Amino acid sequence: MTEDLPKLRHKQFEYSSLLHGVYRGMMWTILPIALLGMDILIGYVLLLLFLGFGLRPLLELTGLYRFLSHSLVVMQEKTDEKFLKKRAEEIDRKMRDDKHRKRRLKHPDLPKNW
């Protein structure tokens, strides 16, 4: 008794609470924008409808979200790699300086009574 159920599409990402708040604030500004004129109101409502229902599918279908998130991950890895390389050099330098600083023997190339 296997039924062919439609596959549910999983959302690739969720909007943050900050973006939810901005969108709700934009919804509340419909009332003052209605006073500016009908042509501005229609454009604003169309923008809100696109942001509410069309932006996520557009980002998911075109692959722009995956590309952007991959680019951000690559940039973060490069930044971390540079930081870790710099930190490893600092640690090596400190260990080398400590080794030479604690040495009691004079180097043979130094002049007498140095």
Protein backbone atom coordinates (compact mmCIF):
# COMPACT_ATOMS: atom_id res chain seq x y z
CA MET A 1 0.00 0.00 0.00
CA THR A 2 2.63 2.44 -1.10
CA GLU A 3 1.26 5.79 -2.06
CA ASP A 4 3.16 8.29 -4.10
CA LEU A 5 3.22 11.29 -1.85
CA PRO A 6 4.54 14.56 -3.17
CA LYS A 7 8.02 15.31 -1.94
CA LEU A 8 8.12 18.18 0.49
CA ARG A 9 10.71 20.79 -0.30
CA HIS A 10 12.81 21.69 2.66
CA LYS A 11 13.75 25.28 3.19
CA GLN A 12 17.43 25.85 2.64
CA PHE A 13 17.58 28.77 5.07
CA GLU A 14 15.54 30.76 7.55
CA TYR A 15 15.32 34.51 7.80
CA SER A 16 16.72 35.96 11.01
CA SER A 17 14.53 37.55 13.66
CA LEU A 18 15.96 40.94 12.68
CA LEU A 19 14.70 40.52 9.12
CA HIS A 20 11.32 39.35 10.41
CA GLY A 21 11.12 42.52 12.49
CA VAL A 22 12.09 44.74 9.55
CA TYR A 23 9.46 43.06 7.38
CA ARG A 24 6.78 43.57 10.02
CA GLY A 25 7.82 47.19 10.34
CA MET A 26 7.50 47.58 6.58
CA MET A 27 4.03 46.08 6.79
CA TRP A 28 3.02 48.71 9.34
CA THR A 29 4.28 51.51 7.09
CA ILE A 30 1.63 50.63 4.51
CA LEU A 31 -0.79 52.94 6.31
CA PRO A 32 1.33 56.11 6.07
CA ILE A 33 2.40 55.26 2.51
CA ALA A 34 -1.26 55.05 1.52
CA LEU A 35 -1.44 58.79 2.19
CA LEU A 36 1.29 59.47 -0.39
CA GLY A 37 -0.71 58.16 -3.31
CA MET A 38 -2.16 55.08 -4.92
CA ASP A 39 0.69 54.51 -7.40
CA ILE A 40 3.31 54.47 -4.61
CA LEU A 41 1.08 52.23 -2.50
CA ILE A 42 0.68 49.67 -5.30
CA GLY A 43 4.43 49.51 -5.90
CA TYR A 44 5.11 49.19 -2.18
CA VAL A 45 2.55 46.39 -1.75
CA LEU A 46 4.05 44.55 -4.75
CA LEU A 47 7.51 44.90 -3.17
CA LEU A 48 6.21 43.49 0.12
CA LEU A 49 4.54 40.58 -1.68
CA PHE A 50 7.77 39.79 -3.52
CA LEU A 51 9.80 39.96 -0.32
CA GLY A 52 7.25 37.83 1.54
CA PHE A 53 6.55 35.13 -1.03
CA GLY A 54 8.96 35.39 -3.96
CA LEU A 55 12.44 36.09 -2.62
CA ARG A 56 13.12 32.76 -0.91
CA PRO A 57 12.04 30.58 -3.88
CA LEU A 58 14.05 32.82 -6.21
CA LEU A 59 17.19 32.45 -4.09
CA GLU A 60 16.70 28.69 -3.74
CA LEU A 61 15.86 27.92 -7.38
CA THR A 62 18.64 30.00 -8.89
CA GLY A 63 21.21 28.71 -6.40
CA LEU A 64 22.21 32.22 -5.36
CA TYR A 65 21.85 31.37 -1.68
CA ARG A 66 24.13 28.34 -1.93
CA PHE A 67 26.68 30.33 -3.95
CA LEU A 68 26.65 33.21 -1.46
CA SER A 69 26.89 30.97 1.59
CA HIS A 70 29.74 28.99 -0.04
CA SER A 71 31.57 32.25 -0.83
CA LEU A 72 31.20 33.42 2.76
CA VAL A 73 32.53 30.10 4.07
CA VAL A 74 35.55 30.27 1.74
CA MET A 75 36.31 33.86 2.79
CA GLN A 76 36.04 32.89 6.46
CA GLU A 77 38.39 29.93 5.96
CA LYS A 78 40.95 32.14 4.22
CA THR A 79 40.75 34.67 7.05
CA ASP A 80 41.14 31.94 9.65
CA GLU A 81 44.05 30.42 7.73
CA LYS A 82 45.88 33.76 7.64
CA PHE A 83 45.24 34.34 11.34
CA LEU A 84 46.39 30.85 12.32
CA LYS A 85 49.53 31.13 10.18
CA LYS A 86 50.37 34.49 11.74
CA ARG A 87 49.74 33.13 15.23
CA ALA A 88 51.93 30.06 14.59
CA GLU A 89 54.75 32.35 13.42
CA GLU A 90 54.40 34.45 16.59
CA ILE A 91 54.56 31.34 18.78
CA ASP A 92 57.62 30.00 16.90
CA ARG A 93 59.34 33.38 17.21
CA LYS A 94 58.62 33.55 20.94
CA MET A 95 59.91 30.01 21.52
CA ARG A 96 63.08 30.78 19.52
CA ASP A 97 63.63 34.03 21.45
CA ASP A 98 63.08 32.29 24.78
CA LYS A 99 65.57 29.58 23.81
CA HIS A 100 68.24 32.12 22.91
CA ARG A 101 67.46 34.41 25.81
CA LYS A 102 68.00 31.67 28.39
CA ARG A 103 71.31 30.52 26.90
CA ARG A 104 74.34 31.19 29.11
CA LEU A 105 77.08 30.34 26.67
CA LYS A 106 78.59 33.06 24.56
CA HIS A 107 78.56 32.61 20.85
CA PRO A 108 82.06 31.93 19.53
CA ASP A 109 81.80 34.62 16.85
CA LEU A 110 81.32 37.37 19.44
CA PRO A 111 84.32 39.55 20.31
CA LYS A 112 86.09 39.10 23.63
CA ASN A 113 84.48 40.83 26.64
CA TRP A 114 81.18 41.30 24.84
